[in-house]
């Protein structure tokens, strides 16, 4: 009898256990079903994971409308001024022909340096880039340009700060490496430092945006461009122009009447644009005579100063003719006004311009 009761209890316990297990299994299946449905809906909505991408800035290259008569200077893009190495080891320089103005001024060691200004130019490589000198800032400011360089003299460093110049020092972006897809400044490995640093227009605008600089400008051009061809009928013949910056550095321009432009020579070498292989040419040449002097520089580098504020003598040269002019600059940030000897602002041919700011006693030859 006792054995029958034990058997009955075991059957009852087994039956209860089976019921409990069935309930737990049902709950587990329901939970998994709900989880799967929710997860499936989320995946369906997103479809693919969203990858955060770095925002990039591509300069909008504006094109003149049919109503715009001037093709050299137009639109709202803020100009960019880039310091260009002019040592023989830096030749050929890149993108010189795409600059609308190139300033050339003497520096130490009887050499010159260039500052090229770009506006509405899609330039993939500019350079080689070199360091700043303080008097170049005057011409970046008067053009309302973002000023790009690679290092600076002590004088330039101080003036950039005190004058509030929107500058881009490439030393903060130069890794010394070859170009990659993310490079802002890079080194051309086939050249030797310090003559091998390059940048691009898009890189400079990206950096400018990151720094909070304006990338648009409504400031008028320094030069009084006109659409009608300017021929200096009463000017002297100017088929050849020689500008000696020093005993070792002479710049020449030879007029090509077929092109209607001047071909540039430096130290006896015909200059080429490294980005295209074409000769460096210019429609206009402006010469300004300004006194330069050696600074009392603690580093004894022979760095120069420049007396360019006030009225300086000069020439305007275009289409094989030259006239004498006055170059009037009232302050470092104020635009230079180029006037004929009657006091009228000169009209400048629509095209690129080399502004040669040479020593006051330079024996310039115009033939």
Protein backbone atom coordinates (compact mmCIF):
# COMPACT_ATOMS: atom_id res chain seq x y z
CA UNK A 1 0.00 0.00 0.00
CA UNK A 2 2.78 2.30 0.94
CA UNK A 3 4.57 1.67 -2.37
CA UNK A 4 1.43 2.58 -4.31
CA UNK A 5 1.18 5.95 -2.50
CA UNK A 6 4.86 6.75 -3.27
CA UNK A 7 4.35 5.93 -6.92
CA UNK A 8 1.29 8.19 -7.04
CA UNK A 9 3.22 11.12 -5.50
CA UNK A 10 6.09 10.72 -8.00
CA UNK A 11 3.62 10.74 -10.91
CA UNK A 12 1.99 13.90 -9.55
CA UNK A 13 5.39 15.67 -9.14
CA UNK A 14 6.44 14.64 -12.64
CA UNK A 15 3.19 15.96 -14.08
CA UNK A 16 3.62 19.32 -12.33
CA UNK A 17 7.24 19.57 -13.52
CA UNK A 18 6.21 18.96 -17.11
CA UNK A 19 3.53 21.69 -16.85
CA UNK A 20 6.05 24.18 -15.36
CA UNK A 21 8.63 23.42 -18.06
CA UNK A 22 6.00 23.86 -20.77
CA UNK A 23 5.04 27.28 -19.40
CA UNK A 24 8.70 28.39 -19.16
CA UNK A 25 9.38 27.20 -22.72
CA UNK A 26 6.35 29.11 -24.01
CA UNK A 27 7.53 32.29 -22.28
CA UNK A 28 11.05 31.87 -23.71
CA UNK A 29 9.75 31.39 -27.25
CA UNK A 30 7.51 34.46 -26.98
CA UNK A 31 10.38 36.62 -25.66
CA UNK A 32 12.71 35.57 -28.47
CA UNK A 33 9.99 36.24 -31.06
CA UNK A 34 9.40 39.78 -29.77
CA UNK A 35 13.18 40.52 -29.67
CA UNK A 36 13.67 39.26 -33.22
CA UNK A 37 10.81 41.38 -34.57
CA UNK A 38 12.03 44.58 -32.90
CA UNK A 39 15.62 44.03 -34.05
CA UNK A 40 14.50 43.28 -37.59
CA UNK A 41 12.47 46.51 -37.75
CA UNK A 42 15.46 48.61 -36.60
CA UNK A 43 17.76 47.03 -39.17
CA UNK A 44 15.22 47.55 -41.92
CA UNK A 45 14.89 51.25 -41.11
CA UNK A 46 18.63 52.01 -41.12
CA UNK A 47 19.47 49.49 -43.83
CA UNK A 48 23.16 50.44 -43.70
CA UNK A 49 25.21 51.86 -40.83
CA UNK A 50 25.80 55.63 -41.15
CA UNK A 51 29.50 56.52 -41.25
CA UNK A 52 30.40 60.03 -40.14
CA UNK A 53 32.50 61.69 -42.82
CA UNK A 54 34.86 64.62 -42.43
CA UNK A 55 33.37 67.81 -43.87
CA UNK A 56 35.45 69.20 -46.72
CA UNK A 57 35.45 72.56 -48.44
CA UNK A 58 35.83 72.83 -52.18
CA UNK A 59 36.27 76.35 -53.44
CA UNK A 60 33.45 77.35 -55.73
CA UNK A 61 35.10 78.53 -58.92
CA UNK A 62 32.94 81.33 -60.18
CA UNK A 63 32.65 82.02 -63.88
CA UNK A 64 32.00 85.53 -65.21
CA UNK A 65 28.55 85.97 -66.67
CA UNK A 66 28.03 87.30 -70.17
CA UNK A 67 27.32 90.68 -68.59
CA UNK A 68 30.67 90.77 -66.77
CA UNK A 69 33.19 92.63 -68.88
CA UNK A 70 36.25 92.05 -66.65
CA UNK A 71 37.54 88.48 -66.64
CA UNK A 72 40.52 88.89 -64.27
CA UNK A 73 38.79 90.08 -61.08
CA UNK A 74 35.14 89.31 -60.31
CA UNK A 75 32.92 87.41 -57.91
CA UNK A 76 32.82 87.04 -54.12
CA UNK A 77 35.64 84.56 -53.49
CA UNK A 78 38.17 86.08 -51.11
CA UNK A 79 41.67 86.20 -52.64
CA UNK A 80 44.43 83.98 -51.32
CA UNK A 81 48.01 85.32 -51.20
CA UNK A 82 50.74 82.65 -51.17
CA UNK A 83 54.44 83.19 -50.48
CA UNK A 84 56.46 81.55 -53.26
CA UNK A 85 60.12 80.52 -53.10
CA UNK A 86 62.21 82.17 -55.85
CA UNK A 87 65.54 80.43 -55.34
CA UNK A 88 66.85 78.63 -58.44
CA UNK A 89 66.30 75.33 -56.61
CA UNK A 90 62.60 76.16 -56.43
CA UNK A 91 62.17 76.40 -60.19
CA UNK A 92 59.89 75.67 -61.90
CA UNK A 93 57.27 77.20 -59.63
CA UNK A 94 53.73 75.88 -59.76
CA UNK A 95 50.58 77.82 -60.73
CA UNK A 96 52.26 81.18 -61.36
CA UNK A 97 50.27 81.65 -64.57
CA UNK A 98 47.00 81.19 -62.65
CA UNK A 99 47.73 84.08 -60.27
CA UNK A 100 46.04 87.35 -61.17
CA UNK A 101 48.76 89.40 -59.43
CA UNK A 102 52.32 88.40 -58.52
CA UNK A 103 54.34 90.71 -56.27
CA UNK A 104 58.14 90.44 -56.37
CA UNK A 105 60.23 92.13 -53.65
CA UNK A 106 63.84 91.79 -52.57
CA UNK A 107 64.72 89.76 -49.47
CA UNK A 108 68.02 88.84 -47.83
CA UNK A 109 71.03 87.42 -49.70
CA UNK A 110 70.25 89.61 -52.74
CA UNK A 111 67.39 87.27 -53.66
CA UNK A 112 63.72 88.00 -54.22
CA UNK A 113 60.57 86.28 -53.07
CA UNK A 114 57.17 86.22 -54.78
CA UNK A 115 53.67 86.57 -53.40
CA UNK A 116 51.05 85.18 -55.79
CA UNK A 117 47.38 86.12 -55.47
CA UNK A 118 44.63 83.76 -56.60
CA UNK A 119 40.91 84.39 -57.10
CA UNK A 120 38.55 82.03 -58.93
CA UNK A 121 41.48 79.74 -59.76
CA UNK A 122 41.17 75.96 -59.39
CA UNK A 123 44.77 75.25 -58.38
CA UNK A 124 45.72 71.71 -57.36
CA UNK A 125 49.32 72.57 -56.42
CA UNK A 126 50.94 75.90 -55.50
CA UNK A 127 54.57 76.35 -54.56
CA UNK A 128 57.16 75.88 -53.43
CA UNK A 129 55.95 77.75 -50.32
CA UNK A 130 58.38 79.80 -48.22
CA UNK A 131 58.33 81.96 -45.14
CA UNK A 132 56.82 85.38 -44.61
CA UNK A 133 58.56 88.76 -44.67
CA UNK A 134 56.76 91.63 -42.95
CA UNK A 135 56.46 94.06 -45.90
CA UNK A 136 54.58 91.49 -47.99
CA UNK A 137 51.79 91.81 -45.43
CA UNK A 138 51.04 95.32 -46.72
CA UNK A 139 50.02 93.88 -50.07
CA UNK A 140 48.06 90.97 -48.61
CA UNK A 141 46.09 93.47 -46.51
CA UNK A 142 45.34 95.87 -49.36
CA UNK A 143 43.96 92.95 -51.38
CA UNK A 144 41.91 91.63 -48.42
CA UNK A 145 43.64 88.29 -48.94
CA UNK A 146 44.04 85.23 -46.76
CA UNK A 147 47.83 85.05 -46.34
CA UNK A 148 49.53 81.64 -46.68
CA UNK A 149 53.18 80.96 -45.85
CA UNK A 150 55.50 78.41 -44.25
CA UNK A 151 57.24 80.01 -41.29
CA UNK A 152 58.06 83.68 -40.73
CA UNK A 153 60.72 86.17 -39.82
CA UNK A 154 60.48 87.65 -36.29
CA UNK A 155 59.25 90.92 -37.81
CA UNK A 156 56.54 89.17 -39.83
CA UNK A 157 55.44 87.10 -36.85
CA UNK A 158 54.98 90.23 -34.75
CA UNK A 159 53.19 92.15 -37.49
CA UNK A 160 50.83 89.30 -38.33
CA UNK A 161 49.70 89.38 -34.72
CA UNK A 162 49.54 93.17 -34.27
CA UNK A 163 47.85 93.83 -37.64
CA UNK A 164 45.37 90.96 -37.25
CA UNK A 165 46.32 89.35 -40.54
CA UNK A 166 44.23 86.28 -41.44
CA UNK A 167 47.20 84.00 -42.00
CA UNK A 168 47.85 80.30 -42.53
CA UNK A 169 51.25 79.10 -41.33
CA UNK A 170 51.95 75.84 -43.11
CA UNK A 171 54.27 74.71 -40.30
CA UNK A 172 51.16 73.61 -38.42
CA UNK A 173 50.15 71.27 -41.27
CA UNK A 174 53.48 70.22 -42.78
CA UNK A 175 54.38 66.64 -41.90
CA UNK A 176 57.39 66.55 -44.22
CA UNK A 177 55.77 63.64 -46.05
CA UNK A 178 54.64 63.08 -49.62
CA UNK A 179 51.12 64.08 -50.63
CA UNK A 180 48.15 61.99 -49.53
CA UNK A 181 44.40 62.46 -49.94
CA UNK A 182 44.27 64.30 -46.60
CA UNK A 183 47.36 66.50 -47.05
CA UNK A 184 46.98 70.25 -46.52
CA UNK A 185 50.69 70.98 -47.02
CA UNK A 186 53.05 68.33 -48.37
CA UNK A 187 56.61 67.79 -49.59
CA UNK A 188 57.54 66.93 -53.16
CA UNK A 189 59.98 64.08 -52.68
CA UNK A 190 61.86 64.71 -55.94
CA UNK A 191 63.03 68.10 -54.62
CA UNK A 192 65.23 69.01 -51.68
CA UNK A 193 64.05 70.94 -48.63
CA UNK A 194 63.42 73.79 -48.07
CA UNK A 195 62.43 74.18 -51.72
CA UNK A 196 59.79 71.44 -51.87
CA UNK A 197 56.71 72.45 -49.84
CA UNK A 198 53.35 72.72 -51.64
CA UNK A 199 49.69 73.33 -50.91
CA UNK A 200 46.45 73.76 -52.89
CA UNK A 201 43.60 76.26 -53.09
CA UNK A 202 41.07 73.82 -51.63
CA UNK A 203 43.41 73.07 -48.72
CA UNK A 204 43.81 76.77 -47.94
CA UNK A 205 40.07 77.44 -48.02
CA UNK A 206 39.47 74.41 -45.79
CA UNK A 207 42.00 75.67 -43.25
CA UNK A 208 40.57 79.19 -43.49
CA UNK A 209 37.09 77.87 -42.72
CA UNK A 210 38.40 75.84 -39.78
CA UNK A 211 40.05 79.00 -38.42
CA UNK A 212 36.85 81.01 -38.79
CA UNK A 213 38.21 83.33 -41.50
CA UNK A 214 35.95 84.90 -44.09
CA UNK A 215 36.17 83.16 -47.46
CA UNK A 216 34.23 85.86 -49.32
CA UNK A 217 35.06 89.49 -49.97
CA UNK A 218 33.36 92.53 -51.49
CA UNK A 219 36.54 94.64 -51.68
CA UNK A 220 37.25 96.11 -55.09
CA UNK A 221 40.40 95.32 -56.99
CA UNK A 222 43.59 97.25 -56.28
CA UNK A 223 44.02 97.65 -60.04
CA UNK A 224 41.61 99.68 -62.16
CA UNK A 225 40.86 97.04 -64.80
CA UNK A 226 39.03 98.04 -67.98
CA UNK A 227 37.57 95.81 -70.69
CA UNK A 228 38.62 98.03 -73.57
CA UNK A 229 42.22 97.36 -74.65
CA UNK A 230 44.66 99.86 -73.17
CA UNK A 231 47.33 101.01 -75.61
CA UNK A 232 49.76 103.56 -74.24
CA UNK A 233 49.98 105.57 -77.45
CA UNK A 234 52.22 108.27 -75.99
CA UNK A 235 54.38 105.84 -74.05
CA UNK A 236 57.94 104.84 -74.76
CA UNK A 237 58.75 101.60 -76.55
CA UNK A 238 58.90 98.69 -74.11
CA UNK A 239 59.66 95.50 -75.99
CA UNK A 240 62.31 94.55 -73.44
CA UNK A 241 62.34 95.36 -69.73
CA UNK A 242 65.31 94.64 -67.44
CA UNK A 243 64.99 95.02 -63.64
CA UNK A 244 68.17 94.43 -61.59
CA UNK A 245 67.23 93.64 -58.00
CA UNK A 246 70.88 93.00 -57.21
CA UNK A 247 74.12 92.15 -58.98
CA UNK A 248 73.15 88.47 -58.96
CA UNK A 249 69.42 88.75 -59.55
CA UNK A 250 68.11 90.40 -62.71
CA UNK A 251 64.54 89.99 -63.93
CA UNK A 252 63.69 90.49 -67.60
CA UNK A 253 60.48 90.62 -69.60
CA UNK A 254 60.41 90.23 -73.38
CA UNK A 255 57.31 91.29 -75.30
CA UNK A 256 55.70 88.65 -77.51
CA UNK A 257 53.57 90.64 -79.94
CA UNK A 258 51.73 87.53 -81.16
CA UNK A 259 50.56 86.74 -77.62
CA UNK A 260 50.21 90.38 -76.62
CA UNK A 261 52.02 89.41 -73.41
CA UNK A 262 55.47 89.53 -71.83
CA UNK A 263 57.56 86.40 -71.28
CA UNK A 264 59.47 86.34 -68.01
CA UNK A 265 63.18 85.60 -67.47
CA UNK A 266 65.00 85.38 -64.14
CA UNK A 267 68.78 85.20 -63.84
CA UNK A 268 68.91 84.66 -67.59
CA UNK A 269 66.57 81.65 -67.48
CA UNK A 270 63.20 81.67 -69.24
CA UNK A 271 60.66 80.87 -66.56
CA UNK A 272 58.24 77.96 -66.83
CA UNK A 273 55.07 77.14 -64.94
CA UNK A 274 55.71 73.72 -63.40
CA UNK A 275 52.02 72.81 -63.38
CA UNK A 276 51.68 73.11 -67.18
CA UNK A 277 55.21 73.39 -68.61
CA UNK A 278 54.20 76.62 -70.33
CA UNK A 279 56.24 79.84 -70.30
CA UNK A 280 55.40 82.27 -67.52
CA UNK A 281 53.73 85.27 -69.18
CA UNK A 282 52.02 88.45 -68.06
CA UNK A 283 49.74 91.04 -69.66
CA UNK A 284 50.84 93.90 -67.42
CA UNK A 285 53.99 94.95 -65.56
CA UNK A 286 54.02 97.58 -62.82
CA UNK A 287 57.39 98.73 -61.48
CA UNK A 288 57.60 100.51 -58.12
CA UNK A 289 60.88 102.02 -56.90
CA UNK A 290 61.09 101.72 -53.10
CA UNK A 291 64.04 102.09 -50.76
CA UNK A 292 65.13 98.87 -49.07
CA UNK A 293 67.64 98.63 -46.23
CA UNK A 294 69.21 96.00 -43.99
CA UNK A 295 67.51 95.56 -40.63
CA UNK A 296 69.35 95.67 -37.33
CA UNK A 297 68.42 92.04 -36.88
CA UNK A 298 69.73 90.22 -33.76
CA UNK A 299 70.04 87.06 -35.84
CA UNK A 300 72.21 88.92 -38.39
CA UNK A 301 70.42 87.29 -41.31
CA UNK A 302 70.59 90.36 -43.51
CA UNK A 303 66.80 90.67 -43.59
CA UNK A 304 65.42 93.74 -45.32
CA UNK A 305 63.11 96.63 -44.52
CA UNK A 306 61.11 98.53 -47.15
CA UNK A 307 60.02 102.18 -47.34
CA UNK A 308 56.86 101.76 -49.39
CA UNK A 309 54.41 104.08 -47.62
CA UNK A 310 53.91 107.42 -49.33
CA UNK A 311 54.47 108.18 -53.01
CA UNK A 312 56.94 106.13 -55.06
CA UNK A 313 57.99 106.51 -58.68
CA UNK A 314 57.30 103.75 -61.14
CA UNK A 315 56.22 102.54 -64.58
CA UNK A 316 53.15 100.93 -66.08
CA UNK A 317 54.02 98.64 -69.00
CA UNK A 318 51.64 96.84 -71.36
CA UNK A 319 51.32 95.98 -75.07
CA UNK A 320 54.90 96.98 -75.84
CA UNK A 321 54.69 100.49 -74.32
CA UNK A 322 55.59 102.08 -70.97
CA UNK A 323 54.58 105.24 -69.12
CA UNK A 324 55.92 106.76 -65.92
CA UNK A 325 53.55 106.60 -62.94
CA UNK A 326 53.25 107.45 -59.26
CA UNK A 327 52.47 104.67 -56.77
CA UNK A 328 50.57 106.16 -53.81
CA UNK A 329 50.09 104.09 -50.64
CA UNK A 330 48.93 106.02 -47.57
CA UNK A 331 49.15 103.22 -45.00
CA UNK A 332 50.01 99.54 -44.73
CA UNK A 333 46.43 98.36 -45.11
CA UNK A 334 45.24 100.97 -47.60
CA UNK A 335 45.15 100.13 -51.29
CA UNK A 336 47.90 101.47 -53.53
CA UNK A 337 46.62 103.87 -56.18
CA UNK A 338 48.61 103.93 -59.41
CA UNK A 339 48.42 107.34 -61.12
CA UNK A 340 49.79 108.84 -64.30
CA UNK A 341 51.88 112.02 -64.07
CA UNK A 342 48.72 114.12 -64.50
CA UNK A 343 47.32 112.64 -61.30
CA UNK A 344 44.73 110.33 -62.92
CA UNK A 345 44.36 106.71 -61.84
CA UNK A 346 45.71 104.57 -64.66
CA UNK A 347 43.53 102.09 -66.50
CA UNK A 348 44.94 98.55 -66.50
CA UNK A 349 44.44 95.93 -69.18
CA UNK A 350 42.24 92.98 -68.22
CA UNK A 351 44.82 90.27 -67.53
CA UNK A 352 47.43 89.11 -65.03
CA UNK A 353 50.01 91.52 -63.63
CA UNK A 354 53.53 91.31 -62.20
CA UNK A 355 54.14 94.09 -59.67
CA UNK A 356 57.91 94.50 -59.36
CA UNK A 357 58.81 96.43 -56.21
CA UNK A 358 62.51 96.96 -56.83
CA UNK A 359 65.33 98.89 -55.09
CA UNK A 360 65.02 102.64 -55.48
CA UNK A 361 68.39 102.90 -57.25
CA UNK A 362 67.81 99.92 -59.57
CA UNK A 363 69.08 100.69 -63.09
CA UNK A 364 65.90 99.59 -64.89
CA UNK A 365 66.30 99.37 -68.69
CA UNK A 366 63.25 99.73 -70.95
CA UNK A 367 63.80 99.37 -74.69
